[in-house]
Amino acid sequence: MNKHFDCLVVGELNIDLVLWDVPMPVYEQEQLAGDMRFAMGSSSAITAHNFAALGGEVCFLGKAGSDYFGDFMVAQLKAGGVDTTGIIRDARLKTGATIVLANPPQKALLTYLGAMTDLTLEDINWDLVASARHLHLGCFFLQTGIRGSVAQLFKKAKELGLSTSLDTNWDPDDEWGEDLQRALEYTDIFFPNDDEALRISGRETLEEAIETLRSRVRVLAVKCGADGAVLHVGDEHWRDSGFQSELVETTGAGDSFNAGFLFQYLRGADWQTCLRYGNLCGAVAVTQIGGTGAFSNRIALQHKMEEILRA
């Protein structure tokens, strides 16, 4: 079958209200933020948007309410060049929202899950899956409707000729469940950050966590924030210390790493280039508020990349 899309992203849709330079809230007291931004949120959506901004052909499959937040998310994805024909709109549901309290380099998140929990394996359009070369799923633990079926989804996708990648994000229940271990059996590229790698592996050091996880997936890319990232492919491994860039806000840095890594991977680049480009995209992402802000204009994005590379 003709592969129309480089990547199909299956994931969650919710908006972000980013409050920047803000003290932690105190009951019955009003606190003041230094800045704010109403932005497209969601790990999966940010990865899809930024992959498209880099020049990849990407389609999004997910579920949103027939409400303003849903309209906003779909419009933002379309504006970014993402095909949205796989998005199911349901008037019974509310599109979710996340309040981001950002004090770089740290942030706190408060999320209402909304429609993302309603997406199930029965909602998957297999013709759409078959039209892509690669399937990526983000925010595994928040997608409670489909997370138990991700192993089936990935298994079927691989039978249809796709490669697969997974980013879990944080588990609010701090359980890091067995359904993830089943999904990893059919995962080609796994994108945890260093904290998540420790939790998922149950190990005490990052080195031990990497040793445990790299035996479970073909490609393990562990994101380490300002320290760059580590990549293991079989017995080979690379470490890239990343790039220096102006740190404004960190939302979407890891999702942008995913976008950059997958963009190069699907172009046939060598592993070291995939790692380096992922770090470059992460460094670009933190220069503006919101996960897609720095990727909203392709010309400005190219200039920012060149600026960071020269630094």
C-alpha atoms as a PDB file:
ATOM      1  CA  MET A   1       0.000   0.000   0.000  1.00  0.00           C
ATOM      2  CA  ASN A   2       1.167   3.523  -0.738  1.00  0.00           C
ATOM      3  CA  LYS A   3       2.412   5.176   2.456  1.00  0.00           C
ATOM      4  CA  HIS A   4       0.936   8.665   2.328  1.00  0.00           C
ATOM      5  CA  PHE A   5       2.186   9.784   5.747  1.00  0.00           C
ATOM      6  CA  ASP A   6       5.640   9.597   7.258  1.00  0.00           C
ATOM      7  CA  CYS A   7       4.121   9.387  10.724  1.00  0.00           C
ATOM      8  CA  LEU A   8       0.752   8.752  12.355  1.00  0.00           C
ATOM      9  CA  VAL A   9       0.494  10.103  15.894  1.00  0.00           C
ATOM     10  CA  VAL A  10      -2.109   8.525  18.173  1.00  0.00           C
ATOM     11  CA  GLY A  11      -2.654  10.643  21.218  1.00  0.00           C
ATOM     12  CA  GLU A  12      -4.353  13.089  23.498  1.00  0.00           C
ATOM     13  CA  LEU A  13      -5.727  16.552  22.794  1.00  0.00           C
ATOM     14  CA  ASN A  14      -5.896  19.246  25.445  1.00  0.00           C
ATOM     15  CA  ILE A  15      -5.095  22.933  25.660  1.00  0.00           C
ATOM     16  CA  ASP A  16      -2.414  24.516  27.855  1.00  0.00           C
ATOM     17  CA  LEU A  17      -2.783  27.662  29.903  1.00  0.00           C
ATOM     18  CA  VAL A  18       0.843  28.475  30.660  1.00  0.00           C
ATOM     19  CA  LEU A  19       1.478  30.867  33.548  1.00  0.00           C
ATOM     20  CA  TRP A  20       5.115  31.909  33.593  1.00  0.00           C
ATOM     21  CA  ASP A  21       7.190  33.260  36.494  1.00  0.00           C
ATOM     22  CA  VAL A  22       4.563  32.406  39.076  1.00  0.00           C
ATOM     23  CA  PRO A  23       4.710  31.526  42.802  1.00  0.00           C
ATOM     24  CA  MET A  24       2.985  28.338  43.906  1.00  0.00           C
ATOM     25  CA  PRO A  25      -0.689  29.008  44.775  1.00  0.00           C
ATOM     26  CA  VAL A  26      -1.824  29.405  48.364  1.00  0.00           C
ATOM     27  CA  TYR A  27      -5.440  28.852  49.394  1.00  0.00           C
ATOM     28  CA  GLU A  28      -7.428  32.063  49.836  1.00  0.00           C
ATOM     29  CA  GLN A  29      -4.562  34.185  48.476  1.00  0.00           C
ATOM     30  CA  GLU A  30      -4.145  35.773  45.065  1.00  0.00           C
ATOM     31  CA  GLN A  31      -0.747  35.399  43.433  1.00  0.00           C
ATOM     32  CA  LEU A  32       0.516  37.192  40.321  1.00  0.00           C
ATOM     33  CA  ALA A  33       2.128  35.627  37.227  1.00  0.00           C
ATOM     34  CA  GLY A  34       4.772  37.345  35.150  1.00  0.00           C
ATOM     35  CA  ASP A  35       3.348  36.204  31.801  1.00  0.00           C
ATOM     36  CA  MET A  36       0.797  33.841  30.303  1.00  0.00           C
ATOM     37  CA  ARG A  37       0.041  32.031  27.076  1.00  0.00           C
ATOM     38  CA  PHE A  38      -3.015  30.092  25.876  1.00  0.00           C
ATOM     39  CA  ALA A  39      -1.443  27.390  23.738  1.00  0.00           C
ATOM     40  CA  MET A  40      -1.864  24.016  22.129  1.00  0.00           C
ATOM     41  CA  GLY A  41      -0.929  21.420  24.708  1.00  0.00           C
ATOM     42  CA  SER A  42      -0.609  17.633  24.750  1.00  0.00           C
ATOM     43  CA  SER A  43       2.607  15.669  24.386  1.00  0.00           C
ATOM     44  CA  SER A  44       1.337  13.829  21.308  1.00  0.00           C
ATOM     45  CA  ALA A  45      -0.061  16.935  19.607  1.00  0.00           C
ATOM     46  CA  ILE A  46       3.141  18.914  20.199  1.00  0.00           C
ATOM     47  CA  THR A  47       5.209  16.106  18.680  1.00  0.00           C
ATOM     48  CA  ALA A  48       2.896  15.951  15.652  1.00  0.00           C
ATOM     49  CA  HIS A  49       2.854  19.734  15.149  1.00  0.00           C
ATOM     50  CA  ASN A  50       6.622  20.108  15.432  1.00  0.00           C
ATOM     51  CA  PHE A  51       7.289  17.082  13.202  1.00  0.00           C
ATOM     52  CA  ALA A  52       5.180  18.782  10.524  1.00  0.00           C
ATOM     53  CA  ALA A  53       7.029  22.070  11.067  1.00  0.00           C
ATOM     54  CA  LEU A  54      10.283  20.269  10.271  1.00  0.00           C
ATOM     55  CA  GLY A  55       8.823  19.156   6.945  1.00  0.00           C
ATOM     56  CA  GLY A  56       7.367  15.730   7.737  1.00  0.00           C
ATOM     57  CA  GLU A  57       3.997  14.446   6.548  1.00  0.00           C
ATOM     58  CA  VAL A  58       2.004  13.595   9.660  1.00  0.00           C
ATOM     59  CA  CYS A  59      -1.572  12.666  10.549  1.00  0.00           C
ATOM     60  CA  PHE A  60      -3.138  12.815  14.012  1.00  0.00           C
ATOM     61  CA  LEU A  61      -5.600  10.256  15.403  1.00  0.00           C
ATOM     62  CA  GLY A  62      -7.340  11.179  18.639  1.00  0.00           C
ATOM     63  CA  LYS A  63     -10.564  12.334  20.253  1.00  0.00           C
ATOM     64  CA  ALA A  64     -11.829  15.781  21.286  1.00  0.00           C
ATOM     65  CA  GLY A  65     -15.061  17.360  22.362  1.00  0.00           C
ATOM     66  CA  SER A  66     -17.239  19.470  20.063  1.00  0.00           C
ATOM     67  CA  ASP A  67     -16.316  22.569  22.042  1.00  0.00           C
ATOM     68  CA  TYR A  68     -14.111  25.650  21.831  1.00  0.00           C
ATOM     69  CA  PHE A  69     -11.037  23.887  23.190  1.00  0.00           C
ATOM     70  CA  GLY A  70     -11.488  21.121  20.633  1.00  0.00           C
ATOM     71  CA  ASP A  71     -11.915  23.680  17.840  1.00  0.00           C
ATOM     72  CA  PHE A  72      -8.747  25.409  18.996  1.00  0.00           C
ATOM     73  CA  MET A  73      -6.701  22.194  19.061  1.00  0.00           C
ATOM     74  CA  VAL A  74      -7.819  21.071  15.609  1.00  0.00           C
ATOM     75  CA  ALA A  75      -7.257  24.542  14.145  1.00  0.00           C
ATOM     76  CA  GLN A  76      -3.748  24.735  15.629  1.00  0.00           C
ATOM     77  CA  LEU A  77      -2.800  21.340  14.248  1.00  0.00           C
ATOM     78  CA  LYS A  78      -4.149  22.229  10.801  1.00  0.00           C
ATOM     79  CA  ALA A  79      -2.303  25.543  10.852  1.00  0.00           C
ATOM     80  CA  GLY A  80       0.870  23.641  11.644  1.00  0.00           C
ATOM     81  CA  GLY A  81       0.448  21.359   8.642  1.00  0.00           C
ATOM     82  CA  VAL A  82      -0.915  18.286  10.434  1.00  0.00           C
ATOM     83  CA  ASP A  83      -3.622  16.189   8.743  1.00  0.00           C
ATOM     84  CA  THR A  84      -6.533  16.046  11.212  1.00  0.00           C
ATOM     85  CA  THR A  85      -8.866  13.625   9.430  1.00  0.00           C
ATOM     86  CA  GLY A  86      -8.239  11.052  12.170  1.00  0.00           C
ATOM     87  CA  ILE A  87      -9.602  13.263  14.956  1.00  0.00           C
ATOM     88  CA  ILE A  88     -13.011  12.186  16.284  1.00  0.00           C
ATOM     89  CA  ARG A  89     -15.207  15.004  17.631  1.00  0.00           C
ATOM     90  CA  ASP A  90     -17.788  13.947  20.234  1.00  0.00           C
ATOM     91  CA  ALA A  91     -20.401  16.369  21.591  1.00  0.00           C
ATOM     92  CA  ARG A  92     -20.792  14.242  24.729  1.00  0.00           C
ATOM     93  CA  LEU A  93     -17.212  14.956  25.788  1.00  0.00           C
ATOM     94  CA  LYS A  94     -15.161  17.907  27.024  1.00  0.00           C
ATOM     95  CA  THR A  95     -11.743  18.590  25.560  1.00  0.00           C
ATOM     96  CA  GLY A  96      -9.220  18.544  28.391  1.00  0.00           C
ATOM     97  CA  ALA A  97      -7.017  21.322  29.707  1.00  0.00           C
ATOM     98  CA  THR A  98      -3.715  21.700  31.561  1.00  0.00           C
ATOM     99  CA  ILE A  99      -2.633  24.618  33.719  1.00  0.00           C
ATOM    100  CA  VAL A 100       1.156  24.928  33.542  1.00  0.00           C
ATOM    101  CA  LEU A 101       2.886  26.799  36.361  1.00  0.00           C
ATOM    102  CA  ALA A 102       6.259  27.542  34.804  1.00  0.00           C
ATOM    103  CA  ASN A 103       9.315  28.681  36.736  1.00  0.00           C
ATOM    104  CA  PRO A 104      12.126  27.640  34.393  1.00  0.00           C
ATOM    105  CA  PRO A 105      13.761  25.206  34.453  1.00  0.00           C
ATOM    106  CA  GLN A 106      10.940  23.636  36.491  1.00  0.00           C
ATOM    107  CA  LYS A 107       7.198  23.495  36.019  1.00  0.00           C
ATOM    108  CA  ALA A 108       4.120  22.067  37.716  1.00  0.00           C
ATOM    109  CA  LEU A 109       1.127  20.701  35.792  1.00  0.00           C
ATOM    110  CA  LEU A 110      -2.537  20.381  36.716  1.00  0.00           C
ATOM    111  CA  THR A 111      -4.633  18.517  34.123  1.00  0.00           C
ATOM    112  CA  TYR A 112      -8.283  17.734  33.487  1.00  0.00           C
ATOM    113  CA  LEU A 113      -8.120  14.701  31.181  1.00  0.00           C
ATOM    114  CA  GLY A 114     -11.414  15.150  29.365  1.00  0.00           C
ATOM    115  CA  ALA A 115     -11.970  13.426  26.008  1.00  0.00           C
ATOM    116  CA  MET A 116      -8.521  11.803  25.863  1.00  0.00           C
ATOM    117  CA  THR A 117      -9.690   9.020  28.207  1.00  0.00           C
ATOM    118  CA  ASP A 118     -12.460   8.041  25.783  1.00  0.00           C
ATOM    119  CA  LEU A 119     -10.213   6.979  22.892  1.00  0.00           C
ATOM    120  CA  THR A 120     -10.177   3.167  22.615  1.00  0.00           C
ATOM    121  CA  LEU A 121      -8.840   0.531  20.262  1.00  0.00           C
ATOM    122  CA  GLU A 122     -12.296   0.410  18.612  1.00  0.00           C
ATOM    123  CA  ASP A 123     -11.759   4.031  17.478  1.00  0.00           C
ATOM    124  CA  ILE A 124      -8.619   3.197  15.486  1.00  0.00           C
ATOM    125  CA  ASN A 125      -8.964   3.677  11.729  1.00  0.00           C
ATOM    126  CA  TRP A 126      -6.776   0.861  10.407  1.00  0.00           C
ATOM    127  CA  ASP A 127      -6.776   2.209   6.862  1.00  0.00           C
ATOM    128  CA  LEU A 128      -5.257   5.388   8.268  1.00  0.00           C
ATOM    129  CA  VAL A 129      -2.676   3.382  10.207  1.00  0.00           C
ATOM    130  CA  ALA A 130      -1.769   1.436   7.072  1.00  0.00           C
ATOM    131  CA  SER A 131      -1.206   4.708   5.181  1.00  0.00           C
ATOM    132  CA  ALA A 132       1.724   5.674   7.450  1.00  0.00           C
ATOM    133  CA  ARG A 133       5.333   4.519   7.720  1.00  0.00           C
ATOM    134  CA  HIS A 134       5.592   5.011  11.477  1.00  0.00           C
ATOM    135  CA  LEU A 135       3.243   5.140  14.486  1.00  0.00           C
ATOM    136  CA  HIS A 136       4.010   7.262  17.538  1.00  0.00           C
ATOM    137  CA  LEU A 137       1.994   7.363  20.758  1.00  0.00           C
ATOM    138  CA  GLY A 138       2.605   9.864  23.539  1.00  0.00           C
ATOM    139  CA  CYS A 139       1.248  10.399  27.044  1.00  0.00           C
ATOM    140  CA  PHE A 140       0.675   6.663  27.555  1.00  0.00           C
ATOM    141  CA  PHE A 141      -0.475   6.835  31.167  1.00  0.00           C
ATOM    142  CA  LEU A 142      -3.084   9.573  30.672  1.00  0.00           C
ATOM    143  CA  GLN A 143      -4.806   7.805  27.772  1.00  0.00           C
ATOM    144  CA  THR A 144      -6.676   5.434  30.052  1.00  0.00           C
ATOM    145  CA  GLY A 145      -9.130   4.261  27.398  1.00  0.00           C
ATOM    146  CA  ILE A 146      -6.462   2.827  25.111  1.00  0.00           C
ATOM    147  CA  ARG A 147      -3.374   2.279  27.277  1.00  0.00           C
ATOM    148  CA  GLY A 148      -4.315  -1.344  28.023  1.00  0.00           C
ATOM    149  CA  SER A 149      -4.565  -1.977  24.273  1.00  0.00           C
ATOM    150  CA  VAL A 150      -1.374  -0.237  23.113  1.00  0.00           C
ATOM    151  CA  ALA A 151       0.398  -3.598  22.806  1.00  0.00           C
ATOM    152  CA  GLN A 152      -2.358  -4.732  20.394  1.00  0.00           C
ATOM    153  CA  LEU A 153      -2.230  -1.430  18.524  1.00  0.00           C
ATOM    154  CA  PHE A 154       1.532  -1.601  18.076  1.00  0.00           C
ATOM    155  CA  LYS A 155       1.499  -5.291  17.179  1.00  0.00           C
ATOM    156  CA  LYS A 156      -1.062  -4.687  14.434  1.00  0.00           C
ATOM    157  CA  ALA A 157       0.814  -1.605  13.221  1.00  0.00           C
ATOM    158  CA  LYS A 158       4.016  -3.611  12.877  1.00  0.00           C
ATOM    159  CA  GLU A 159       2.131  -6.290  10.935  1.00  0.00           C
ATOM    160  CA  LEU A 160       1.049  -3.489   8.579  1.00  0.00           C
ATOM    161  CA  GLY A 161       4.682  -2.533   8.054  1.00  0.00           C
ATOM    162  CA  LEU A 162       5.030   0.420  10.445  1.00  0.00           C
ATOM    163  CA  SER A 163       7.769   1.048  12.949  1.00  0.00           C
ATOM    164  CA  THR A 164       6.616   2.260  16.383  1.00  0.00           C
ATOM    165  CA  SER A 165       7.662   4.682  19.098  1.00  0.00           C
ATOM    166  CA  LEU A 166       6.363   5.453  22.570  1.00  0.00           C
ATOM    167  CA  ASP A 167       6.690   8.271  25.093  1.00  0.00           C
ATOM    168  CA  THR A 168       5.008   7.569  28.417  1.00  0.00           C
ATOM    169  CA  ASN A 169       5.203  10.935  30.177  1.00  0.00           C
ATOM    170  CA  TRP A 170       4.553  10.843  33.918  1.00  0.00           C
ATOM    171  CA  ASP A 171       2.252   8.326  35.621  1.00  0.00           C
ATOM    172  CA  PRO A 172       0.006  10.295  38.045  1.00  0.00           C
ATOM    173  CA  ASP A 173      -0.651   7.052  39.964  1.00  0.00           C
ATOM    174  CA  ASP A 174       3.105   6.377  40.223  1.00  0.00           C
ATOM    175  CA  GLU A 175       2.492   2.706  39.393  1.00  0.00           C
ATOM    176  CA  TRP A 176       4.244   2.383  35.974  1.00  0.00           C
ATOM    177  CA  GLY A 177       2.067  -0.625  35.193  1.00  0.00           C
ATOM    178  CA  GLU A 178       2.283  -3.988  33.515  1.00  0.00           C
ATOM    179  CA  ASP A 179       0.386  -2.687  30.468  1.00  0.00           C
ATOM    180  CA  LEU A 180       3.443  -0.579  29.665  1.00  0.00           C
ATOM    181  CA  GLN A 181       5.705  -3.623  29.796  1.00  0.00           C
ATOM    182  CA  ARG A 182       3.417  -5.384  27.297  1.00  0.00           C
ATOM    183  CA  ALA A 183       3.493  -2.346  24.998  1.00  0.00           C
ATOM    184  CA  LEU A 184       7.300  -2.226  25.083  1.00  0.00           C
ATOM    185  CA  GLU A 185       7.402  -5.691  23.489  1.00  0.00           C
ATOM    186  CA  TYR A 186       6.179  -4.060  20.261  1.00  0.00           C
ATOM    187  CA  THR A 187       7.974  -0.717  20.635  1.00  0.00           C
ATOM    188  CA  ASP A 188      10.894   0.039  18.327  1.00  0.00           C
ATOM    189  CA  ILE A 189      11.912   3.408  19.802  1.00  0.00           C
ATOM    190  CA  PHE A 190      11.294   4.278  23.462  1.00  0.00           C
ATOM    191  CA  PHE A 191      11.546   7.931  24.582  1.00  0.00           C
ATOM    192  CA  PRO A 192      11.506   8.192  28.417  1.00  0.00           C
ATOM    193  CA  ASN A 193      13.198  11.004  30.282  1.00  0.00           C
ATOM    194  CA  ASP A 194      15.681  10.189  33.027  1.00  0.00           C
ATOM    195  CA  ASP A 195      13.150  10.363  35.886  1.00  0.00           C
ATOM    196  CA  GLU A 196      10.681   8.167  34.004  1.00  0.00           C
ATOM    197  CA  ALA A 197      13.406   5.660  33.146  1.00  0.00           C
ATOM    198  CA  LEU A 198      14.204   5.246  36.840  1.00  0.00           C
ATOM    199  CA  ARG A 199      10.541   4.742  37.770  1.00  0.00           C
ATOM    200  CA  ILE A 200       9.771   2.349  34.919  1.00  0.00           C
ATOM    201  CA  SER A 201      12.850   0.205  35.525  1.00  0.00           C
ATOM    202  CA  GLY A 202      12.625   0.247  39.319  1.00  0.00           C
ATOM    203  CA  ARG A 203      16.364   0.935  39.494  1.00  0.00           C
ATOM    204  CA  GLU A 204      18.250   3.389  41.692  1.00  0.00           C
ATOM    205  CA  THR A 205      20.700   4.846  39.162  1.00  0.00           C
ATOM    206  CA  LEU A 206      20.250   5.982  35.571  1.00  0.00           C
ATOM    207  CA  GLU A 207      22.986   3.600  34.421  1.00  0.00           C
ATOM    208  CA  GLU A 208      21.112   0.656  35.951  1.00  0.00           C
ATOM    209  CA  ALA A 209      17.825   1.891  34.479  1.00  0.00           C
ATOM    210  CA  ILE A 210      19.331   2.129  31.002  1.00  0.00           C
ATOM    211  CA  GLU A 211      20.824  -1.353  31.306  1.00  0.00           C
ATOM    212  CA  THR A 212      17.392  -2.736  32.214  1.00  0.00           C
ATOM    213  CA  LEU A 213      15.360  -0.869  29.588  1.00  0.00           C
ATOM    214  CA  ARG A 214      17.688  -1.286  26.620  1.00  0.00           C
ATOM    215  CA  SER A 215      17.138  -5.032  26.763  1.00  0.00           C
ATOM    216  CA  ARG A 216      13.388  -4.494  26.261  1.00  0.00           C
ATOM    217  CA  VAL A 217      13.364  -2.269  23.173  1.00  0.00           C
ATOM    218  CA  ARG A 218      15.400  -2.028  19.995  1.00  0.00           C
ATOM    219  CA  VAL A 219      16.153   1.679  20.415  1.00  0.00           C
ATOM    220  CA  LEU A 220      16.267   3.507  23.761  1.00  0.00           C
ATOM    221  CA  ALA A 221      16.596   7.312  23.798  1.00  0.00           C
ATOM    222  CA  VAL A 222      16.681   8.736  27.322  1.00  0.00           C
ATOM    223  CA  LYS A 223      16.174  12.499  27.582  1.00  0.00           C
ATOM    224  CA  CYS A 224      18.193  14.150  30.355  1.00  0.00           C
ATOM    225  CA  GLY A 225      17.036  17.765  30.243  1.00  0.00           C
ATOM    226  CA  ALA A 226      19.863  20.288  30.153  1.00  0.00           C
ATOM    227  CA  ASP A 227      22.350  17.391  30.066  1.00  0.00           C
ATOM    228  CA  GLY A 228      21.205  16.315  26.601  1.00  0.00           C
ATOM    229  CA  ALA A 229      20.273  12.696  25.876  1.00  0.00           C
ATOM    230  CA  VAL A 230      21.627   9.154  25.761  1.00  0.00           C
ATOM    231  CA  LEU A 231      20.901   6.696  22.953  1.00  0.00           C
ATOM    232  CA  HIS A 232      21.307   2.904  23.009  1.00  0.00           C
ATOM    233  CA  VAL A 233      20.797   0.744  19.909  1.00  0.00           C
ATOM    234  CA  GLY A 234      21.733  -2.853  20.595  1.00  0.00           C
ATOM    235  CA  ASP A 235      25.321  -2.870  21.859  1.00  0.00           C
ATOM    236  CA  GLU A 236      26.052   0.617  20.515  1.00  0.00           C
ATOM    237  CA  HIS A 237      25.487   3.794  22.469  1.00  0.00           C
ATOM    238  CA  TRP A 238      25.924   7.543  22.080  1.00  0.00           C
ATOM    239  CA  ARG A 239      25.707  10.488  24.462  1.00  0.00           C
ATOM    240  CA  ASP A 240      25.019  14.011  23.243  1.00  0.00           C
ATOM    241  CA  SER A 241      25.321  16.914  25.667  1.00  0.00           C
ATOM    242  CA  GLY A 242      22.844  19.032  23.744  1.00  0.00           C
ATOM    243  CA  PHE A 243      22.914  22.771  22.993  1.00  0.00           C
ATOM    244  CA  GLN A 244      22.941  26.040  24.864  1.00  0.00           C
ATOM    245  CA  SER A 245      19.910  28.231  24.164  1.00  0.00           C
ATOM    246  CA  GLU A 246      17.908  30.940  25.868  1.00  0.00           C
ATOM    247  CA  LEU A 247      15.674  29.223  28.430  1.00  0.00           C
ATOM    248  CA  VAL A 248      12.221  30.794  28.507  1.00  0.00           C
ATOM    249  CA  GLU A 249       9.942  27.842  29.342  1.00  0.00           C
ATOM    250  CA  THR A 250      10.396  24.066  29.130  1.00  0.00           C
ATOM    251  CA  THR A 251       6.935  22.821  28.067  1.00  0.00           C
ATOM    252  CA  GLY A 252       7.256  20.519  25.063  1.00  0.00           C
ATOM    253  CA  ALA A 253      11.049  20.209  25.076  1.00  0.00           C
ATOM    254  CA  GLY A 254      10.917  16.419  25.281  1.00  0.00           C
ATOM    255  CA  ASP A 255       8.099  16.226  22.733  1.00  0.00           C
ATOM    256  CA  SER A 256      10.152  18.380  20.373  1.00  0.00           C
ATOM    257  CA  PHE A 257      13.108  16.038  20.884  1.00  0.00           C
ATOM    258  CA  ASN A 258      10.812  13.202  19.779  1.00  0.00           C
ATOM    259  CA  ALA A 259       9.771  15.153  16.683  1.00  0.00           C
ATOM    260  CA  GLY A 260      13.334  15.909  15.663  1.00  0.00           C
ATOM    261  CA  PHE A 261      14.590  12.390  16.321  1.00  0.00           C
ATOM    262  CA  LEU A 262      11.744  10.788  14.358  1.00  0.00           C
ATOM    263  CA  PHE A 263      12.066  13.272  11.503  1.00  0.00           C
ATOM    264  CA  GLN A 264      15.687  12.269  10.953  1.00  0.00           C
ATOM    265  CA  TYR A 265      14.996   8.577  11.603  1.00  0.00           C
ATOM    266  CA  LEU A 266      12.335   8.506   8.894  1.00  0.00           C
ATOM    267  CA  ARG A 267      14.719  10.244   6.504  1.00  0.00           C
ATOM    268  CA  GLY A 268      17.167   7.380   6.971  1.00  0.00           C
ATOM    269  CA  ALA A 269      19.739   9.341   8.993  1.00  0.00           C
ATOM    270  CA  ASP A 270      22.322   7.585  11.155  1.00  0.00           C
ATOM    271  CA  TRP A 271      21.579   7.221  14.866  1.00  0.00           C
ATOM    272  CA  GLN A 272      23.993   9.915  16.007  1.00  0.00           C
ATOM    273  CA  THR A 273      22.334  12.426  13.681  1.00  0.00           C
ATOM    274  CA  CYS A 274      18.903  11.455  15.025  1.00  0.00           C
ATOM    275  CA  LEU A 275      20.120  12.057  18.582  1.00  0.00           C
ATOM    276  CA  ARG A 276      21.804  15.348  17.769  1.00  0.00           C
ATOM    277  CA  TYR A 277      18.814  16.694  15.854  1.00  0.00           C
ATOM    278  CA  GLY A 278      16.450  15.674  18.647  1.00  0.00           C
ATOM    279  CA  ASN A 279      18.531  17.694  21.090  1.00  0.00           C
ATOM    280  CA  LEU A 280      18.577  20.641  18.693  1.00  0.00           C
ATOM    281  CA  CYS A 281      14.768  20.626  18.480  1.00  0.00           C
ATOM    282  CA  GLY A 282      14.512  20.427  22.268  1.00  0.00           C
ATOM    283  CA  ALA A 283      16.836  23.426  22.574  1.00  0.00           C
ATOM    284  CA  VAL A 284      14.703  25.389  20.106  1.00  0.00           C
ATOM    285  CA  ALA A 285      11.475  24.536  21.958  1.00  0.00           C
ATOM    286  CA  VAL A 286      12.529  26.166  25.253  1.00  0.00           C
ATOM    287  CA  THR A 287      13.148  29.561  23.640  1.00  0.00           C
ATOM    288  CA  GLN A 288       9.435  30.443  23.641  1.00  0.00           C
ATOM    289  CA  ILE A 289       6.432  29.898  25.921  1.00  0.00           C
ATOM    290  CA  GLY A 290       4.395  26.826  24.984  1.00  0.00           C
ATOM    291  CA  GLY A 291       5.536  23.641  23.292  1.00  0.00           C
ATOM    292  CA  THR A 292       4.864  24.791  19.712  1.00  0.00           C
ATOM    293  CA  GLY A 293       5.639  28.505  19.931  1.00  0.00           C
ATOM    294  CA  ALA A 294       9.120  28.217  18.469  1.00  0.00           C
ATOM    295  CA  PHE A 295       7.809  25.937  15.676  1.00  0.00           C
ATOM    296  CA  SER A 296       4.928  28.099  14.472  1.00  0.00           C
ATOM    297  CA  ASN A 297       6.878  29.788  11.656  1.00  0.00           C
ATOM    298  CA  ARG A 298       9.166  27.618   9.519  1.00  0.00           C
ATOM    299  CA  ILE A 299      11.444  30.465   8.428  1.00  0.00           C
ATOM    300  CA  ALA A 300      11.897  31.674  12.020  1.00  0.00           C
ATOM    301  CA  LEU A 301      12.435  28.060  13.096  1.00  0.00           C
ATOM    302  CA  GLN A 302      15.252  27.610  10.576  1.00  0.00           C
ATOM    303  CA  HIS A 303      16.892  30.859  11.692  1.00  0.00           C
ATOM    304  CA  LYS A 304      16.673  29.824  15.351  1.00  0.00           C
ATOM    305  CA  MET A 305      18.228  26.442  14.579  1.00  0.00           C
ATOM    306  CA  GLU A 306      21.097  28.112  12.717  1.00  0.00           C
ATOM    307  CA  GLU A 307      21.592  30.552  15.599  1.00  0.00           C
ATOM    308  CA  ILE A 308      21.803  27.745  18.157  1.00  0.00           C
ATOM    309  CA  LEU A 309      24.182  25.742  15.974  1.00  0.00           C
ATOM    310  CA  ARG A 310      26.500  28.763  15.676  1.00  0.00           C
ATOM    311  CA  ALA A 311      26.538  29.442  19.425  1.00  0.00           C
END
